[in-house]
Amino acid sequence: MKKITPNPPASLFTVAQDIDPETLLIQASETLASLNAITTDLAFELEGENRQKLLGSQQLIVLGELLIERVLSVLHPTNEAEPSRSSENPEDRDAI
């Protein structure tokens, strides 16, 4: 007699289908920020080659964070990137 076993789930973790992209990006950014903190703390407990490898991984994590933040800024631009008119030199305006 054969024992009938159910198929294991395709994935242990799933993401709900109805979550908007901005929320997913924010969660990904927060996850990377946590991973960044963990790897940075751990790197300073190590020495030599293992420390260098972990710091290299930490830099890749930061790159991922920057990419996500860039996508979020494209989806929801703010005025922070625009230069302030009050800080411009009046002589520069005359040269234009």
PDB file of N, CA and C in Angstrom:
ATOM      1  N   MET A   1       0.837  -1.172   0.000  1.00  0.00           N
ATOM      2  CA  MET A   1       0.000   0.000   0.000  1.00  0.00           C
ATOM      3  C   MET A   1       0.883   1.236   0.000  1.00  0.00           C
ATOM      4  N   LYS A   2       0.611   2.141  -0.912  1.00  0.00           N
ATOM      5  CA  LYS A   2       1.369   3.373  -1.002  1.00  0.00           C
ATOM      6  C   LYS A   2       0.722   4.449  -0.143  1.00  0.00           C
ATOM      7  N   LYS A   3       1.596   5.211   0.517  1.00  0.00           N
ATOM      8  CA  LYS A   3       1.118   6.325   1.320  1.00  0.00           C
ATOM      9  C   LYS A   3       0.959   7.542   0.410  1.00  0.00           C
ATOM     10  N   ILE A   4      -0.175   8.160   0.466  1.00  0.00           N
ATOM     11  CA  ILE A   4      -0.436   9.355  -0.336  1.00  0.00           C
ATOM     12  C   ILE A   4       0.057  10.569   0.440  1.00  0.00           C
ATOM     13  N   THR A   5       0.997  11.278  -0.172  1.00  0.00           N
ATOM     14  CA  THR A   5       1.514  12.487   0.467  1.00  0.00           C
ATOM     15  C   THR A   5       1.187  13.686  -0.408  1.00  0.00           C
ATOM     16  N   PRO A   6       0.766  14.762   0.221  1.00  0.00           N
ATOM     17  CA  PRO A   6       0.454  15.958  -0.579  1.00  0.00           C
ATOM     18  C   PRO A   6       1.725  16.581  -1.123  1.00  0.00           C
ATOM     19  N   ASN A   7       1.587  17.272  -2.237  1.00  0.00           N
ATOM     20  CA  ASN A   7       2.720  17.999  -2.807  1.00  0.00           C
ATOM     21  C   ASN A   7       3.092  19.144  -1.872  1.00  0.00           C
ATOM     22  N   PRO A   8       4.377  19.318  -1.647  1.00  0.00           N
ATOM     23  CA  PRO A   8       4.773  20.448  -0.792  1.00  0.00           C
ATOM     24  C   PRO A   8       4.448  21.758  -1.488  1.00  0.00           C
ATOM     25  N   PRO A   9       4.246  22.817  -0.715  1.00  0.00           N
ATOM     26  CA  PRO A   9       3.953  24.110  -1.346  1.00  0.00           C
ATOM     27  C   PRO A   9       5.122  24.540  -2.225  1.00  0.00           C
ATOM     28  N   ALA A  10       4.817  25.238  -3.293  1.00  0.00           N
ATOM     29  CA  ALA A  10       5.854  25.704  -4.217  1.00  0.00           C
ATOM     30  C   ALA A  10       6.764  26.722  -3.548  1.00  0.00           C
ATOM     31  N   SER A  11       6.226  27.456  -2.605  1.00  0.00           N
ATOM     32  CA  SER A  11       6.998  28.476  -1.916  1.00  0.00           C
ATOM     33  C   SER A  11       6.540  28.552  -0.471  1.00  0.00           C
ATOM     34  N   LEU A  12       7.493  28.677   0.425  1.00  0.00           N
ATOM     35  CA  LEU A  12       7.145  28.779   1.837  1.00  0.00           C
ATOM     36  C   LEU A  12       6.520  30.130   2.143  1.00  0.00           C
ATOM     37  N   PHE A  13       7.053  31.163   1.521  1.00  0.00           N
ATOM     38  CA  PHE A  13       6.537  32.507   1.725  1.00  0.00           C
ATOM     39  C   PHE A  13       5.927  33.024   0.428  1.00  0.00           C
ATOM     40  N   THR A  14       4.837  33.736   0.555  1.00  0.00           N
ATOM     41  CA  THR A  14       4.206  34.334  -0.622  1.00  0.00           C
ATOM     42  C   THR A  14       3.884  35.797  -0.320  1.00  0.00           C
ATOM     43  N   VAL A  15       3.686  36.551  -1.367  1.00  0.00           N
ATOM     44  CA  VAL A  15       3.303  37.947  -1.243  1.00  0.00           C
ATOM     45  C   VAL A  15       1.891  38.072  -1.792  1.00  0.00           C
ATOM     46  N   ALA A  16       1.040  38.719  -1.035  1.00  0.00           N
ATOM     47  CA  ALA A  16      -0.347  38.898  -1.458  1.00  0.00           C
ATOM     48  C   ALA A  16      -0.394  39.615  -2.803  1.00  0.00           C
ATOM     49  N   GLN A  17      -1.286  39.186  -3.647  1.00  0.00           N
ATOM     50  CA  GLN A  17      -1.398  39.730  -5.010  1.00  0.00           C
ATOM     51  C   GLN A  17      -1.931  41.156  -5.059  1.00  0.00           C
ATOM     52  N   ASP A  18      -2.659  41.588  -4.040  1.00  0.00           N
ATOM     53  CA  ASP A  18      -3.321  42.892  -4.095  1.00  0.00           C
ATOM     54  C   ASP A  18      -2.517  44.024  -3.460  1.00  0.00           C
ATOM     55  N   ILE A  19      -1.243  43.814  -3.212  1.00  0.00           N
ATOM     56  CA  ILE A  19      -0.414  44.863  -2.620  1.00  0.00           C
ATOM     57  C   ILE A  19       0.153  45.740  -3.738  1.00  0.00           C
ATOM     58  N   ASP A  20       0.029  47.052  -3.553  1.00  0.00           N
ATOM     59  CA  ASP A  20       0.477  47.975  -4.605  1.00  0.00           C
ATOM     60  C   ASP A  20       2.006  48.011  -4.678  1.00  0.00           C
ATOM     61  N   PRO A  21       2.543  48.344  -5.849  1.00  0.00           N
ATOM     62  CA  PRO A  21       3.998  48.346  -6.055  1.00  0.00           C
ATOM     63  C   PRO A  21       4.761  49.247  -5.090  1.00  0.00           C
ATOM     64  N   GLU A  22       4.214  50.410  -4.749  1.00  0.00           N
ATOM     65  CA  GLU A  22       4.903  51.315  -3.838  1.00  0.00           C
ATOM     66  C   GLU A  22       5.113  50.656  -2.469  1.00  0.00           C
ATOM     67  N   THR A  23       4.098  49.995  -1.966  1.00  0.00           N
ATOM     68  CA  THR A  23       4.210  49.306  -0.679  1.00  0.00           C
ATOM     69  C   THR A  23       5.245  48.199  -0.749  1.00  0.00           C
ATOM     70  N   LEU A  24       5.269  47.465  -1.852  1.00  0.00           N
ATOM     71  CA  LEU A  24       6.266  46.405  -2.025  1.00  0.00           C
ATOM     72  C   LEU A  24       7.679  46.980  -2.028  1.00  0.00           C
ATOM     73  N   LEU A  25       7.866  48.098  -2.725  1.00  0.00           N
ATOM     74  CA  LEU A  25       9.182  48.734  -2.765  1.00  0.00           C
ATOM     75  C   LEU A  25       9.599  49.249  -1.393  1.00  0.00           C
ATOM     76  N   ILE A  26       8.662  49.807  -0.653  1.00  0.00           N
ATOM     77  CA  ILE A  26       8.967  50.301   0.690  1.00  0.00           C
ATOM     78  C   ILE A  26       9.373  49.137   1.591  1.00  0.00           C
ATOM     79  N   GLN A  27       8.648  48.038   1.516  1.00  0.00           N
ATOM     80  CA  GLN A  27       8.993  46.863   2.322  1.00  0.00           C
ATOM     81  C   GLN A  27      10.360  46.311   1.936  1.00  0.00           C
ATOM     82  N   ALA A  28      10.642  46.280   0.641  1.00  0.00           N
ATOM     83  CA  ALA A  28      11.950  45.807   0.182  1.00  0.00           C
ATOM     84  C   ALA A  28      13.057  46.721   0.696  1.00  0.00           C
ATOM     85  N   SER A  29      12.816  48.023   0.666  1.00  0.00           N
ATOM     86  CA  SER A  29      13.796  48.984   1.160  1.00  0.00           C
ATOM     87  C   SER A  29      14.049  48.793   2.654  1.00  0.00           C
ATOM     88  N   GLU A  30      12.997  48.597   3.422  1.00  0.00           N
ATOM     89  CA  GLU A  30      13.141  48.386   4.865  1.00  0.00           C
ATOM     90  C   GLU A  30      13.845  47.071   5.169  1.00  0.00           C
ATOM     91  N   THR A  31      13.572  46.046   4.375  1.00  0.00           N
ATOM     92  CA  THR A  31      14.254  44.761   4.550  1.00  0.00           C
ATOM     93  C   THR A  31      15.744  44.911   4.285  1.00  0.00           C
ATOM     94  N   LEU A  32      16.098  45.613   3.205  1.00  0.00           N
ATOM     95  CA  LEU A  32      17.506  45.847   2.901  1.00  0.00           C
ATOM     96  C   LEU A  32      18.174  46.706   3.969  1.00  0.00           C
ATOM     97  N   ALA A  33      17.463  47.678   4.524  1.00  0.00           N
ATOM     98  CA  ALA A  33      18.029  48.510   5.586  1.00  0.00           C
ATOM     99  C   ALA A  33      18.346  47.660   6.821  1.00  0.00           C
ATOM    100  N   SER A  34      17.461  46.727   7.152  1.00  0.00           N
ATOM    101  CA  SER A  34      17.710  45.823   8.277  1.00  0.00           C
ATOM    102  C   SER A  34      18.907  44.923   7.995  1.00  0.00           C
ATOM    103  N   LEU A  35      18.972  44.398   6.789  1.00  0.00           N
ATOM    104  CA  LEU A  35      20.099  43.546   6.403  1.00  0.00           C
ATOM    105  C   LEU A  35      21.402  44.336   6.413  1.00  0.00           C
ATOM    106  N   ASN A  36      21.344  45.584   6.012  1.00  0.00           N
ATOM    107  CA  ASN A  36      22.504  46.458   6.040  1.00  0.00           C
ATOM    108  C   ASN A  36      23.020  46.608   7.474  1.00  0.00           C
ATOM    109  N   ALA A  37      22.115  46.855   8.408  1.00  0.00           N
ATOM    110  CA  ALA A  37      22.517  47.011   9.805  1.00  0.00           C
ATOM    111  C   ALA A  37      23.128  45.727  10.358  1.00  0.00           C
ATOM    112  N   ILE A  38      22.534  44.590  10.033  1.00  0.00           N
ATOM    113  CA  ILE A  38      23.038  43.304  10.518  1.00  0.00           C
ATOM    114  C   ILE A  38      24.433  43.025   9.971  1.00  0.00           C
ATOM    115  N   THR A  39      24.610  43.197   8.661  1.00  0.00           N
ATOM    116  CA  THR A  39      25.909  42.886   8.066  1.00  0.00           C
ATOM    117  C   THR A  39      26.991  43.854   8.539  1.00  0.00           C
ATOM    118  N   THR A  40      26.639  45.121   8.733  1.00  0.00           N
ATOM    119  CA  THR A  40      27.614  46.090   9.221  1.00  0.00           C
ATOM    120  C   THR A  40      28.066  45.730  10.631  1.00  0.00           C
ATOM    121  N   ASP A  41      27.106  45.429  11.503  1.00  0.00           N
ATOM    122  CA  ASP A  41      27.454  45.030  12.875  1.00  0.00           C
ATOM    123  C   ASP A  41      28.322  43.781  12.881  1.00  0.00           C
ATOM    124  N   LEU A  42      27.944  42.788  12.091  1.00  0.00           N
ATOM    125  CA  LEU A  42      28.693  41.540  12.058  1.00  0.00           C
ATOM    126  C   LEU A  42      30.088  41.746  11.469  1.00  0.00           C
ATOM    127  N   ALA A  43      30.203  42.599  10.469  1.00  0.00           N
ATOM    128  CA  ALA A  43      31.501  42.835   9.834  1.00  0.00           C
ATOM    129  C   ALA A  43      32.519  43.361  10.835  1.00  0.00           C
ATOM    130  N   PHE A  44      32.077  44.170  11.767  1.00  0.00           N
ATOM    131  CA  PHE A  44      33.011  44.733  12.737  1.00  0.00           C
ATOM    132  C   PHE A  44      33.344  43.759  13.859  1.00  0.00           C
ATOM    133  N   GLU A  45      32.726  42.585  13.865  1.00  0.00           N
ATOM    134  CA  GLU A  45      33.098  41.522  14.794  1.00  0.00           C
ATOM    135  C   GLU A  45      34.086  40.554  14.154  1.00  0.00           C
ATOM    136  N   LEU A  46      34.286  40.684  12.848  1.00  0.00           N
ATOM    137  CA  LEU A  46      35.184  39.792  12.118  1.00  0.00           C
ATOM    138  C   LEU A  46      36.475  40.514  11.754  1.00  0.00           C
ATOM    139  N   GLU A  47      37.434  39.725  11.296  1.00  0.00           N
ATOM    140  CA  GLU A  47      38.701  40.293  10.851  1.00  0.00           C
ATOM    141  C   GLU A  47      39.102  39.657   9.533  1.00  0.00           C
ATOM    142  N   GLY A  48      39.998  40.322   8.841  1.00  0.00           N
ATOM    143  CA  GLY A  48      40.600  39.756   7.654  1.00  0.00           C
ATOM    144  C   GLY A  48      39.663  39.586   6.476  1.00  0.00           C
ATOM    145  N   GLU A  49      39.862  38.486   5.761  1.00  0.00           N
ATOM    146  CA  GLU A  49      39.144  38.230   4.516  1.00  0.00           C
ATOM    147  C   GLU A  49      37.635  38.114   4.721  1.00  0.00           C
ATOM    148  N   ASN A  50      37.210  37.477   5.811  1.00  0.00           N
ATOM    149  CA  ASN A  50      35.769  37.345   6.067  1.00  0.00           C
ATOM    150  C   ASN A  50      35.113  38.706   6.285  1.00  0.00           C
ATOM    151  N   ARG A  51      35.822  39.598   6.954  1.00  0.00           N
ATOM    152  CA  ARG A  51      35.296  40.945   7.150  1.00  0.00           C
ATOM    153  C   ARG A  51      35.166  41.662   5.806  1.00  0.00           C
ATOM    154  N   GLN A  52      36.184  41.536   4.962  1.00  0.00           N
ATOM    155  CA  GLN A  52      36.152  42.188   3.658  1.00  0.00           C
ATOM    156  C   GLN A  52      34.994  41.669   2.797  1.00  0.00           C
ATOM    157  N   LYS A  53      34.755  40.374   2.849  1.00  0.00           N
ATOM    158  CA  LYS A  53      33.632  39.791   2.088  1.00  0.00           C
ATOM    159  C   LYS A  53      32.303  40.330   2.592  1.00  0.00           C
ATOM    160  N   LEU A  54      32.162  40.430   3.901  1.00  0.00           N
ATOM    161  CA  LEU A  54      30.905  40.926   4.460  1.00  0.00           C
ATOM    162  C   LEU A  54      30.712  42.410   4.150  1.00  0.00           C
ATOM    163  N   LEU A  55      31.779  43.178   4.193  1.00  0.00           N
ATOM    164  CA  LEU A  55      31.667  44.593   3.836  1.00  0.00           C
ATOM    165  C   LEU A  55      31.350  44.767   2.349  1.00  0.00           C
ATOM    166  N   GLY A  56      31.876  43.870   1.516  1.00  0.00           N
ATOM    167  CA  GLY A  56      31.507  43.894   0.097  1.00  0.00           C
ATOM    168  C   GLY A  56      30.029  43.600  -0.087  1.00  0.00           C
ATOM    169  N   SER A  57      29.525  42.637   0.658  1.00  0.00           N
ATOM    170  CA  SER A  57      28.088  42.323   0.613  1.00  0.00           C
ATOM    171  C   SER A  57      27.265  43.510   1.095  1.00  0.00           C
ATOM    172  N   GLN A  58      27.747  44.172   2.123  1.00  0.00           N
ATOM    173  CA  GLN A  58      27.051  45.330   2.667  1.00  0.00           C
ATOM    174  C   GLN A  58      26.953  46.433   1.619  1.00  0.00           C
ATOM    175  N   GLN A  59      28.004  46.619   0.820  1.00  0.00           N
ATOM    176  CA  GLN A  59      27.958  47.626  -0.237  1.00  0.00           C
ATOM    177  C   GLN A  59      26.920  47.274  -1.298  1.00  0.00           C
ATOM    178  N   LEU A  60      26.779  45.994  -1.601  1.00  0.00           N
ATOM    179  CA  LEU A  60      25.750  45.577  -2.564  1.00  0.00           C
ATOM    180  C   LEU A  60      24.350  45.824  -1.999  1.00  0.00           C
ATOM    181  N   ILE A  61      24.196  45.630  -0.701  1.00  0.00           N
ATOM    182  CA  ILE A  61      22.911  45.905  -0.052  1.00  0.00           C
ATOM    183  C   ILE A  61      22.577  47.389  -0.178  1.00  0.00           C
ATOM    184  N   VAL A  62      23.563  48.235   0.085  1.00  0.00           N
ATOM    185  CA  VAL A  62      23.344  49.682  -0.030  1.00  0.00           C
ATOM    186  C   VAL A  62      22.989  50.053  -1.465  1.00  0.00           C
ATOM    187  N   LEU A  63      23.635  49.429  -2.439  1.00  0.00           N
ATOM    188  CA  LEU A  63      23.305  49.684  -3.838  1.00  0.00           C
ATOM    189  C   LEU A  63      21.844  49.320  -4.112  1.00  0.00           C
ATOM    190  N   GLY A  64      21.405  48.176  -3.594  1.00  0.00           N
ATOM    191  CA  GLY A  64      20.001  47.791  -3.743  1.00  0.00           C
ATOM    192  C   GLY A  64      19.066  48.806  -3.119  1.00  0.00           C
ATOM    193  N   GLU A  65      19.433  49.322  -1.942  1.00  0.00           N
ATOM    194  CA  GLU A  65      18.628  50.351  -1.292  1.00  0.00           C
ATOM    195  C   GLU A  65      18.532  51.600  -2.162  1.00  0.00           C
ATOM    196  N   LEU A  66      19.661  52.014  -2.717  1.00  0.00           N
ATOM    197  CA  LEU A  66      19.671  53.205  -3.568  1.00  0.00           C
ATOM    198  C   LEU A  66      18.797  53.026  -4.808  1.00  0.00           C
ATOM    199  N   LEU A  67      18.850  51.846  -5.394  1.00  0.00           N
ATOM    200  CA  LEU A  67      18.024  51.583  -6.581  1.00  0.00           C
ATOM    201  C   LEU A  67      16.540  51.652  -6.244  1.00  0.00           C
ATOM    202  N   ILE A  68      16.162  51.074  -5.111  1.00  0.00           N
ATOM    203  CA  ILE A  68      14.752  51.117  -4.702  1.00  0.00           C
ATOM    204  C   ILE A  68      14.324  52.542  -4.398  1.00  0.00           C
ATOM    205  N   GLU A  69      15.174  53.288  -3.692  1.00  0.00           N
ATOM    206  CA  GLU A  69      14.842  54.673  -3.385  1.00  0.00           C
ATOM    207  C   GLU A  69      14.688  55.494  -4.662  1.00  0.00           C
ATOM    208  N   ARG A  70      15.498  55.203  -5.668  1.00  0.00           N
ATOM    209  CA  ARG A  70      15.394  55.923  -6.951  1.00  0.00           C
ATOM    210  C   ARG A  70      14.063  55.627  -7.627  1.00  0.00           C
ATOM    211  N   VAL A  71      13.651  54.364  -7.621  1.00  0.00           N
ATOM    212  CA  VAL A  71      12.360  54.009  -8.216  1.00  0.00           C
ATOM    213  C   VAL A  71      11.228  54.711  -7.469  1.00  0.00           C
ATOM    214  N   LEU A  72      11.298  54.726  -6.143  1.00  0.00           N
ATOM    215  CA  LEU A  72      10.266  55.412  -5.366  1.00  0.00           C
ATOM    216  C   LEU A  72      10.238  56.902  -5.670  1.00  0.00           C
ATOM    217  N   SER A  73      11.412  57.514  -5.866  1.00  0.00           N
ATOM    218  CA  SER A  73      11.440  58.944  -6.170  1.00  0.00           C
ATOM    219  C   SER A  73      10.891  59.225  -7.565  1.00  0.00           C
ATOM    220  N   VAL A  74      11.031  58.277  -8.479  1.00  0.00           N
ATOM    221  CA  VAL A  74      10.450  58.440  -9.815  1.00  0.00           C
ATOM    222  C   VAL A  74       8.932  58.289  -9.745  1.00  0.00           C
ATOM    223  N   LEU A  75       8.459  57.341  -8.945  1.00  0.00           N
ATOM    224  CA  LEU A  75       7.019  57.127  -8.809  1.00  0.00           C
ATOM    225  C   LEU A  75       6.333  58.301  -8.118  1.00  0.00           C
ATOM    226  N   HIS A  76       7.023  58.868  -7.122  1.00  0.00           N
ATOM    227  CA  HIS A  76       6.467  59.986  -6.350  1.00  0.00           C
ATOM    228  C   HIS A  76       7.524  61.070  -6.194  1.00  0.00           C
ATOM    229  N   PRO A  77       7.725  61.879  -7.237  1.00  0.00           N
ATOM    230  CA  PRO A  77       8.766  62.915  -7.170  1.00  0.00           C
ATOM    231  C   PRO A  77       8.435  63.971  -6.116  1.00  0.00           C
ATOM    232  N   THR A  78       9.482  64.504  -5.527  1.00  0.00           N
ATOM    233  CA  THR A  78       9.339  65.604  -4.583  1.00  0.00           C
ATOM    234  C   THR A  78      10.098  66.795  -5.124  1.00  0.00           C
ATOM    235  N   ASN A  79       9.913  67.939  -4.507  1.00  0.00           N
ATOM    236  CA  ASN A  79      10.596  69.159  -4.948  1.00  0.00           C
ATOM    237  C   ASN A  79      11.984  69.281  -4.363  1.00  0.00           C
ATOM    238  N   GLU A  80      12.421  68.308  -3.562  1.00  0.00           N
ATOM    239  CA  GLU A  80      13.727  68.384  -2.912  1.00  0.00           C
ATOM    240  C   GLU A  80      14.868  68.412  -3.920  1.00  0.00           C
ATOM    241  N   ALA A  81      14.692  67.810  -5.072  1.00  0.00           N
ATOM    242  CA  ALA A  81      15.764  67.738  -6.066  1.00  0.00           C
ATOM    243  C   ALA A  81      15.944  69.061  -6.805  1.00  0.00           C
ATOM    244  N   GLU A  82      14.931  69.934  -6.774  1.00  0.00           N
ATOM    245  CA  GLU A  82      15.016  71.200  -7.487  1.00  0.00           C
ATOM    246  C   GLU A  82      15.796  72.216  -6.658  1.00  0.00           C
ATOM    247  N   PRO A  83      16.703  72.964  -7.282  1.00  0.00           N
ATOM    248  CA  PRO A  83      17.449  73.982  -6.530  1.00  0.00           C
ATOM    249  C   PRO A  83      16.536  75.113  -6.085  1.00  0.00           C
ATOM    250  N   SER A  84      16.834  75.643  -4.948  1.00  0.00           N
ATOM    251  CA  SER A  84      16.049  76.744  -4.405  1.00  0.00           C
ATOM    252  C   SER A  84      16.448  78.043  -5.099  1.00  0.00           C
ATOM    253  N   ARG A  85      15.479  78.824  -5.533  1.00  0.00           N
ATOM    254  CA  ARG A  85      15.761  80.097  -6.205  1.00  0.00           C
ATOM    255  C   ARG A  85      16.388  81.094  -5.240  1.00  0.00           C
ATOM    256  N   SER A  86      16.021  81.041  -3.970  1.00  0.00           N
ATOM    257  CA  SER A  86      16.530  82.016  -3.011  1.00  0.00           C
ATOM    258  C   SER A  86      18.015  81.835  -2.751  1.00  0.00           C
ATOM    259  N   SER A  87      18.550  80.642  -3.013  1.00  0.00           N
ATOM    260  CA  SER A  87      19.970  80.414  -2.748  1.00  0.00           C
ATOM    261  C   SER A  87      20.853  80.747  -3.942  1.00  0.00           C
ATOM    262  N   GLU A  88      20.254  81.121  -5.057  1.00  0.00           N
ATOM    263  CA  GLU A  88      21.037  81.452  -6.239  1.00  0.00           C
ATOM    264  C   GLU A  88      21.704  82.806  -6.072  1.00  0.00           C
ATOM    265  N   ASN A  89      22.840  82.931  -6.678  1.00  0.00           N
ATOM    266  CA  ASN A  89      23.559  84.191  -6.677  1.00  0.00           C
ATOM    267  C   ASN A  89      22.896  85.119  -7.697  1.00  0.00           C
ATOM    268  N   PRO A  90      22.494  86.339  -7.305  1.00  0.00           N
ATOM    269  CA  PRO A  90      21.834  87.252  -8.260  1.00  0.00           C
ATOM    270  C   PRO A  90      22.677  87.546  -9.494  1.00  0.00           C
ATOM    271  N   GLU A  91      24.010  87.536  -9.351  1.00  0.00           N
ATOM    272  CA  GLU A  91      24.880  87.787 -10.498  1.00  0.00           C
ATOM    273  C   GLU A  91      24.760  86.671 -11.524  1.00  0.00           C
ATOM    274  N   ASP A  92      24.529  85.428 -11.062  1.00  0.00           N
ATOM    275  CA  ASP A  92      24.356  84.310 -11.975  1.00  0.00           C
ATOM    276  C   ASP A  92      23.103  84.467 -12.819  1.00  0.00           C
ATOM    277  N   ARG A  93      22.036  85.012 -12.237  1.00  0.00           N
ATOM    278  CA  ARG A  93      20.798  85.206 -12.979  1.00  0.00           C
ATOM    279  C   ARG A  93      20.975  86.235 -14.078  1.00  0.00           C
ATOM    280  N   ASP A  94      21.795  87.271 -13.820  1.00  0.00           N
ATOM    281  CA  ASP A  94      22.031  88.293 -14.831  1.00  0.00           C
ATOM    282  C   ASP A  94      22.817  87.765 -16.018  1.00  0.00           C
ATOM    283  N   ALA A  95      23.639  86.738 -15.773  1.00  0.00           N
ATOM    284  CA  ALA A  95      24.473  86.181 -16.833  1.00  0.00           C
ATOM    285  C   ALA A  95      23.664  85.350 -17.815  1.00  0.00           C
ATOM    286  N   ILE A  96      22.492  84.947 -17.446  1.00  0.00           N
ATOM    287  CA  ILE A  96      21.668  84.089 -18.307  1.00  0.00           C
ATOM    288  C   ILE A  96      21.041  84.856 -19.368  1.00  0.00           C
TER     289      ILE A  96
END
